[in-house]
C-alpha atoms as a PDB file:
ATOM      1  CA  MET A   1      -5.132   5.752  -8.775  1.00  0.00           C
ATOM      2  CA  TYR A   2      -8.552   5.594  -7.147  1.00  0.00           C
ATOM      3  CA  GLU A   3      -9.830   2.578  -5.217  1.00  0.00           C
ATOM      4  CA  HIS A   4     -13.118   1.866  -3.444  1.00  0.00           C
ATOM      5  CA  VAL A   5     -12.933   0.727   0.182  1.00  0.00           C
ATOM      6  CA  ILE A   6     -15.268   0.394   3.157  1.00  0.00           C
ATOM      7  CA  VAL A   7     -14.946   2.551   6.283  1.00  0.00           C
ATOM      8  CA  GLU A   8     -14.305   0.322   9.284  1.00  0.00           C
ATOM      9  CA  SER A   9     -13.910   3.041  11.929  1.00  0.00           C
ATOM     10  CA  VAL A  10     -13.346   6.768  12.310  1.00  0.00           C
ATOM     11  CA  ASN A  11     -10.335   7.513  14.514  1.00  0.00           C
ATOM     12  CA  ARG A  12      -9.876  10.467  16.848  1.00  0.00           C
ATOM     13  CA  ASP A  13      -6.644  11.560  15.172  1.00  0.00           C
ATOM     14  CA  GLY A  14      -8.472  12.461  11.938  1.00  0.00           C
ATOM     15  CA  THR A  15      -7.641   9.254  10.114  1.00  0.00           C
ATOM     16  CA  VAL A  16     -10.132   6.632   9.067  1.00  0.00           C
ATOM     17  CA  SER A  17      -9.590   2.875   9.177  1.00  0.00           C
ATOM     18  CA  VAL A  18     -10.698   1.390   5.861  1.00  0.00           C
ATOM     19  CA  GLY A  19     -10.571  -2.046   4.306  1.00  0.00           C
ATOM     20  CA  CYS A  20     -11.441  -3.943   1.175  1.00  0.00           C
ATOM     21  CA  ASP A  21     -14.514  -6.130   0.986  1.00  0.00           C
ATOM     22  CA  ALA A  22     -13.567  -9.784   0.515  1.00  0.00           C
ATOM     23  CA  LYS A  23     -15.807  -9.961  -2.573  1.00  0.00           C
ATOM     24  CA  ALA A  24     -13.859  -7.130  -4.207  1.00  0.00           C
ATOM     25  CA  CYS A  25     -10.567  -9.019  -4.131  1.00  0.00           C
ATOM     26  CA  GLY A  26     -11.649 -11.333  -6.935  1.00  0.00           C
ATOM     27  CA  ASN A  27     -12.321  -8.418  -9.311  1.00  0.00           C
ATOM     28  CA  CYS A  28      -9.196  -6.437  -8.531  1.00  0.00           C
ATOM     29  CA  SER A  29      -6.324  -6.581 -11.027  1.00  0.00           C
ATOM     30  CA  GLY A  30      -3.861  -6.082  -8.164  1.00  0.00           C
ATOM     31  CA  ASN A  31      -5.227  -9.104  -6.304  1.00  0.00           C
ATOM     32  CA  MET A  32      -2.033 -11.127  -6.674  1.00  0.00           C
ATOM     33  CA  PHE A  33       0.194  -8.391  -5.222  1.00  0.00           C
ATOM     34  CA  CYS A  34      -2.168  -6.969  -2.614  1.00  0.00           C
ATOM     35  CA  ASN A  35      -0.827  -6.822   0.925  1.00  0.00           C
ATOM     36  CA  VAL A  36      -4.015  -5.537   2.553  1.00  0.00           C
ATOM     37  CA  LYS A  37      -6.447  -8.353   1.703  1.00  0.00           C
ATOM     38  CA  HIS A  38      -9.060  -8.664   4.413  1.00  0.00           C
ATOM     39  CA  ARG A  39      -7.169  -6.173   6.603  1.00  0.00           C
ATOM     40  CA  THR A  40      -7.727  -2.557   7.491  1.00  0.00           C
ATOM     41  CA  PHE A  41      -5.363   0.311   6.807  1.00  0.00           C
ATOM     42  CA  PRO A  42      -5.456   4.033   7.639  1.00  0.00           C
ATOM     43  CA  ALA A  43      -6.602   6.734   5.244  1.00  0.00           C
ATOM     44  CA  LYS A  44      -6.485  10.510   5.679  1.00  0.00           C
ATOM     45  CA  ASN A  45      -9.674  12.571   5.632  1.00  0.00           C
ATOM     46  CA  PRO A  46      -8.333  16.107   4.995  1.00  0.00           C
ATOM     47  CA  GLN A  47     -11.699  17.395   3.704  1.00  0.00           C
ATOM     48  CA  ARG A  48     -13.341  16.290   6.983  1.00  0.00           C
ATOM     49  CA  ILE A  49     -16.054  14.409   5.082  1.00  0.00           C
ATOM     50  CA  PRO A  50     -18.567  13.110   7.641  1.00  0.00           C
ATOM     51  CA  LEU A  51     -18.175   9.330   7.632  1.00  0.00           C
ATOM     52  CA  VAL A  52     -19.645   6.417   9.530  1.00  0.00           C
ATOM     53  CA  PRO A  53     -18.583   2.770   9.576  1.00  0.00           C
ATOM     54  CA  GLY A  54     -19.972   0.974   6.551  1.00  0.00           C
ATOM     55  CA  ASP A  55     -19.665   3.899   4.128  1.00  0.00           C
ATOM     56  CA  VAL A  56     -18.058   3.015   0.810  1.00  0.00           C
ATOM     57  CA  VAL A  57     -15.462   5.653  -0.020  1.00  0.00           C
ATOM     58  CA  GLU A  58     -13.038   6.287  -2.838  1.00  0.00           C
ATOM     59  CA  VAL A  59      -9.412   6.725  -1.775  1.00  0.00           C
ATOM     60  CA  PHE A  60      -6.720   8.349  -3.874  1.00  0.00           C
ATOM     61  CA  LEU A  61      -3.295   6.720  -4.082  1.00  0.00           C
ATOM     62  CA  PRO A  62      -0.863   9.058  -5.874  1.00  0.00           C
ATOM     63  CA  PRO A  63       0.714   7.055  -8.721  1.00  0.00           C
ATOM     64  CA  GLY A  64       4.177   8.504  -8.102  1.00  0.00           C
ATOM     65  CA  LYS A  65       4.145   7.522  -4.447  1.00  0.00           C
ATOM     66  CA  THR A  66       2.772   4.091  -5.302  1.00  0.00           C
ATOM     67  CA  VAL A  67       5.583   3.470  -7.794  1.00  0.00           C
ATOM     68  CA  PHE A  68       8.219   4.831  -5.408  1.00  0.00           C
ATOM     69  CA  SER A  69       6.991   2.716  -2.497  1.00  0.00           C
ATOM     70  CA  THR A  70       7.138  -0.361  -4.725  1.00  0.00           C
ATOM     71  CA  PHE A  71      10.673   0.600  -5.739  1.00  0.00           C
ATOM     72  CA  MET A  72      11.758   1.048  -2.112  1.00  0.00           C
ATOM     73  CA  THR A  73      10.152  -2.204  -1.002  1.00  0.00           C
ATOM     74  CA  LEU A  74      11.383  -4.437  -3.814  1.00  0.00           C
ATOM     75  CA  MET A  75      14.209  -2.875  -5.796  1.00  0.00           C
ATOM     76  CA  VAL A  76      16.418  -1.571  -2.966  1.00  0.00           C
ATOM     77  CA  PRO A  77      16.723  -5.017  -1.328  1.00  0.00           C
ATOM     78  CA  LEU A  78      17.207  -6.633  -4.729  1.00  0.00           C
ATOM     79  CA  ALA A  79      19.935  -4.138  -5.649  1.00  0.00           C
ATOM     80  CA  LEU A  80      21.756  -4.860  -2.397  1.00  0.00           C
ATOM     81  CA  PHE A  81      22.114  -8.563  -3.191  1.00  0.00           C
ATOM     82  CA  PRO A  82      24.944  -8.024  -5.742  1.00  0.00           C
ATOM     83  CA  ALA A  83      26.408  -5.358  -3.466  1.00  0.00           C
ATOM     84  CA  GLY A  84      26.659  -7.858  -0.592  1.00  0.00           C
ATOM     85  CA  TYR A  85      28.006 -10.527  -2.930  1.00  0.00           C
ATOM     86  CA  PHE A  86      30.748  -8.279  -4.339  1.00  0.00           C
ATOM     87  CA  VAL A  87      31.693  -6.870  -0.924  1.00  0.00           C
ATOM     88  CA  ALA A  88      32.231 -10.432   0.296  1.00  0.00           C
ATOM     89  CA  SER A  89      34.279 -11.137  -2.856  1.00  0.00           C
ATOM     90  CA  ALA A  90      36.442  -8.075  -2.241  1.00  0.00           C
ATOM     91  CA  LEU A  91      36.950  -8.634   1.491  1.00  0.00           C
ATOM     92  CA  ALA A  92      37.484 -12.390   1.295  1.00  0.00           C
ATOM     93  CA  PRO A  93      38.507 -13.420  -2.243  1.00  0.00           C
ATOM     94  CA  GLN A  94      39.279 -16.953  -1.059  1.00  0.00           C
ATOM     95  CA  ALA A  95      35.715 -17.426   0.273  1.00  0.00           C
ATOM     96  CA  GLY A  96      33.514 -19.947  -1.465  1.00  0.00           C
ATOM     97  CA  GLU A  97      30.383 -19.245  -3.443  1.00  0.00           C
ATOM     98  CA  LEU A  98      28.156 -20.212  -0.526  1.00  0.00           C
ATOM     99  CA  VAL A  99      29.717 -17.524   1.694  1.00  0.00           C
ATOM    100  CA  LYS A 100      29.303 -14.929  -1.064  1.00  0.00           C
ATOM    101  CA  PHE A 101      25.702 -16.028  -1.591  1.00  0.00           C
ATOM    102  CA  PHE A 102      24.898 -15.580   2.104  1.00  0.00           C
ATOM    103  CA  ALA A 103      26.599 -12.185   2.043  1.00  0.00           C
ATOM    104  CA  GLY A 104      24.238 -11.305  -0.818  1.00  0.00           C
ATOM    105  CA  ILE A 105      21.273 -12.500   1.242  1.00  0.00           C
ATOM    106  CA  GLY A 106      22.589 -10.290   4.044  1.00  0.00           C
ATOM    107  CA  GLY A 107      22.502  -7.401   1.560  1.00  0.00           C
ATOM    108  CA  VAL A 108      18.858  -8.183   0.821  1.00  0.00           C
ATOM    109  CA  MET A 109      18.094  -8.130   4.549  1.00  0.00           C
ATOM    110  CA  VAL A 110      19.849  -4.778   4.900  1.00  0.00           C
ATOM    111  CA  GLY A 111      17.730  -3.508   1.993  1.00  0.00           C
ATOM    112  CA  PHE A 112      14.530  -4.585   3.722  1.00  0.00           C
ATOM    113  CA  LEU A 113      15.712  -2.861   6.926  1.00  0.00           C
ATOM    114  CA  ILE A 114      16.387   0.332   4.964  1.00  0.00           C
ATOM    115  CA  ALA A 115      12.901   0.184   3.408  1.00  0.00           C
ATOM    116  CA  TRP A 116      11.310  -0.527   6.813  1.00  0.00           C
ATOM    117  CA  ALA A 117      13.127   2.420   8.427  1.00  0.00           C
ATOM    118  CA  PHE A 118      12.236   4.713   5.523  1.00  0.00           C
ATOM    119  CA  PHE A 119       8.516   3.932   5.711  1.00  0.00           C
ATOM    120  CA  ARG A 120       8.463   4.000   9.489  1.00  0.00           C
ATOM    121  CA  LYS A 121       9.852   7.537   9.433  1.00  0.00           C
ATOM    122  CA  ARG A 122       7.636   8.760   6.576  1.00  0.00           C
ATOM    123  CA  LYS A 123       4.547   6.602   7.051  1.00  0.00           C
ATOM    124  CA  ASN A 124       2.116   9.536   7.185  1.00  0.00           C
ATOM    125  CA  SER A 125       3.103  10.780   3.736  1.00  0.00           C
ATOM    126  CA  TYR A 126       2.245   7.411   2.130  1.00  0.00           C
ATOM    127  CA  ILE A 127      -1.269   7.100   3.572  1.00  0.00           C
ATOM    128  CA  PRO A 128      -4.072   7.217   0.950  1.00  0.00           C
ATOM    129  CA  VAL A 129      -6.487  10.175   1.002  1.00  0.00           C
ATOM    130  CA  ILE A 130     -10.275   9.880   0.983  1.00  0.00           C
ATOM    131  CA  ALA A 131     -11.555  11.630  -2.144  1.00  0.00           C
ATOM    132  CA  SER A 132     -15.307  11.057  -1.956  1.00  0.00           C
ATOM    133  CA  VAL A 133     -18.128   8.914  -0.621  1.00  0.00           C
ATOM    134  CA  VAL A 134     -19.438   6.343  -3.101  1.00  0.00           C
ATOM    135  CA  ALA A 135     -22.295   4.919  -1.009  1.00  0.00           C
ATOM    136  CA  ASP A 136     -23.596   5.670   2.466  1.00  0.00           C
ATOM    137  CA  ALA A 137     -23.823   2.892   5.016  1.00  0.00           C
ATOM    138  CA  SER A 138     -27.533   3.646   5.356  1.00  0.00           C
ATOM    139  CA  SER A 139     -28.271   3.497   1.621  1.00  0.00           C
ATOM    140  CA  GLU A 140     -30.626   0.854   0.263  1.00  0.00           C
ATOM    141  CA  SER A 141     -28.178  -0.286  -2.427  1.00  0.00           C
ATOM    142  CA  ASP A 142     -25.834  -3.222  -1.967  1.00  0.00           C
ATOM    143  CA  ALA A 143     -22.607  -1.517  -0.859  1.00  0.00           C
ATOM    144  CA  SER A 144     -20.496  -4.540  -1.741  1.00  0.00           C
ATOM    145  CA  ALA A 145     -21.384  -4.086  -5.410  1.00  0.00           C
ATOM    146  CA  CYS A 146     -19.634  -0.712  -5.362  1.00  0.00           C
ATOM    147  CA  VAL A 147     -16.444  -2.049  -3.862  1.00  0.00           C
ATOM    148  CA  GLY A 148     -13.573  -3.107  -6.053  1.00  0.00           C
ATOM    149  CA  CYS A 149     -11.293  -1.757  -8.666  1.00  0.00           C
ATOM    150  CA  SER A 150     -14.001  -0.447 -10.973  1.00  0.00           C
ATOM    151  CA  SER A 151     -12.312   2.939 -11.065  1.00  0.00           C
ATOM    152  CA  GLU A 152      -8.900   1.539 -11.919  1.00  0.00           C
ATOM    153  CA  GLY A 153      -6.992   3.710 -14.335  1.00  0.00           C
ATOM    154  CA  ASN A 154      -9.267   6.664 -13.692  1.00  0.00           C
ATOM    155  CA  ASP A 155      -7.035   9.555 -12.803  1.00  0.00           C
ATOM    156  CA  ASP A 156      -9.772  12.190 -13.066  1.00  0.00           C
ATOM    157  CA  PRO A 157     -10.819  13.612  -9.699  1.00  0.00           C
ATOM    158  CA  PRO A 158     -14.131  12.148  -8.547  1.00  0.00           C
ATOM    159  CA  ALA A 159     -17.194  14.206  -7.805  1.00  0.00           C
ATOM    160  CA  SER A 160     -17.327  14.915  -4.096  1.00  0.00           C
ATOM    161  CA  ARG A 161     -20.283  14.319  -1.834  1.00  0.00           C
END
């Protein structure tokens, strides 16, 4: 999946801080589930494309990694709710429903801790990659018009700069 973002800063470690334009959020189909609204996030620049703050770039988010990260973030904690509930039922069969419910909530918390630890350890492999430059910061065109999810569903590699 390709998305258009704006370069905020170029870091010394080879990554680039990018962010979505606030105007783009209204056009994006993932707007409801987005966790990076009006924030910056890192992107890799393995091709060493010369970038400056203000450039509009296209980042590639591998669909498999996107689906897996969603699974780890949402489904693992959700799956641990019944596990916590049934463990409480097995260890304390005389316990009330409220105790079992809170044991299930504890399972959800453990699931979120597992997901947090997983992504903390492997955070560099889930960083999006800059594929191309869409508009230079110095160009005459309105860069905000290029930002958004206009390339959504396009899995063909973009033309590079």
